[in-house]
Amino acid sequence: MRYRIGVAGFSHETVSFWPGVTSLDDFELTSVYGEDIIEKGRDTNSCIGGFIEVCEKEEAEMVPIVVGSGGATATVADEVYDHYVPLIVEGFRKEKDHLDGILLSLHGAMATESRTDPETDAVRALRKAVGYDIPIMVTLDLHGNKDEALLKEATAVFGFHSSPHIDQAETGRRAARCMFKTLRGEVKPISAIKKPGIVVPSVFSATTISPAKDLITRLKEWMTKPGVIDVTVLFGFAWADVHNLGMSVIAVTDNEPALAKEIVNDLSELAWEHRGMLTGMGNKSLYSLEKGVKTAIEKAKTASKPIVILDHADRTNDTTFIIRELLKQRAENAAVPMIYDPPSAQKCVEAGRGAKIELEIGASTGWRDGGKFRVRAEVLWAGHAKYTGTGPMTINREVDLGLSAIIQVGGLWIQLVSRQHSLIDADPMERFGYDPLSFEIIVSKSKTHFRAVYEELGEEIIIVDAPGQCPADLSHFEYKHAPEGLYSTMRK
């Protein structure tokens, strides 16, 4: 039998406290429709890529509707939900009599102006359109905030196991494999979920190091047990002011509800044991701004590979705290890639390579960004930066940085871009003729994703707790919708 499988995606990681909204135009910069989803998604490290791989292996016919993604920014405008969700719902409603299943790639931490859990709302709306007989498999980012409401609508839920998210395609494959086993009657997915009541700042969710690594190790042990289809630990997204804030553990078994409950209870207990380190209240790995930069400069003098400074709180990729401190302490041969600053990038393009110009760089939002910083710079490269990713997270994906420039400011090599991206691989340097190993210090603002490349490429990682939009200390913000009693730094 040749199955027909619907494919769609709708995702965003929402910082509720970020001023303004993320518009439909912002989403449309990267959104993909119809058959283009298959062509652009094939062989990529994405859940959509994983869906496609399994569906093509099964010789299934895919019915792609839309993949709408807005990145990780401010609260999503209601117009975004009102555009994409009706497209998905109506697209599958028209096909429901000829559809065997639906694969959905969501994020799990989206919030709109009027909805605190729009992704669950979307699946609920889809159920009203197609009914409950059609299996719907949902994939989520490891940083999703979810509760039992989604499990009531989805047949099964599958989250990333890795942060850095090098397993996005594998997560899609897990969901798609379960879909076909379900359709053939080989399994009957039954799920359980538990929230241990912990809020984890993203910097402490890196699964390559403890304590997050310990949870994933236990998760993988459960995945080998008879009757277990899948297990997920969602570490949550700490800067979302929503009713389902916090970690979640999800287990999917083959018609064994007691086993599913046993798994989520076990992993929740393990998370609770590590609550101090997971929230940062017992974690001593963060440096202050001045001490962190000083330590990096000192270590770089004798290191055989670059010292990596992680500016983890910078969500907008343009805060100037680290740049100011590096220049203040006279750092040499330091690279600061992917600084979001469209106006400065354009000025560099207009001035041209070799020009010496004055710029006010960074700090585009005016929100916890350190303010613009005036510099005199030499333009090393300028133009439209666009390439196909080669890193473990961006493999075969189109990366468009827009008008961009590379400038030299004192001992700092700074890359200015017009699209928001973080340094997660070597492409932003290598694609422009620079060897990352030639720098003594490299600054990343990616929280955990950079670790897929820079744990090996760098000599040591210095996590600097500079001011920024998403600090580890959550008491900087006023949460209005989060439930009481959560173990976190929210209320001190």
Foldseek 3Di string as FASTA:
>chain_A
DAAEEEEEEDEEAAQAPFPDAQELVLQVVDKDAWPVLLVQLDPALALSNLLNVVNVVSVHHYTYGMHTYRYYYHAHEPVNLVPPLVSSQVSCLVCLVRHQAYEYEYAARHHHPPGRGSVLVSLVSSCVRNPDNRAYEYEYELAHQDDCSSVVRHQYYFYQLAVVRLRNSVSSNLRNVVNVCVSVVVFRKDKDKDFLQAAFALLLCGCVDPDNVVLSVVQVVLCPDPFWSHKGWRQHHRSRLAARGGIMIMTIGRPDVVSNVVVRVVSSVSCVVCRCSRLVVVDPQADALLVLLVVLQVVLVPDQFAEEEAQAQAPQQFACSNVVNCVVVQRAQEEEEQHEDVVVLVVDQVQDAQDWDWDFGGDPRVPFRNGTDIFTKGWHDWDWDWDQDDDSNRHRHIDTQGTKTWIDTRRYTYIYTNDHDWPQECCRAVVVPHDNRVGRYYYTHDSGNNCSHDVVRGPYYRYYQYTYNRGSQLCVDDRDNYDPDRSHNNHD
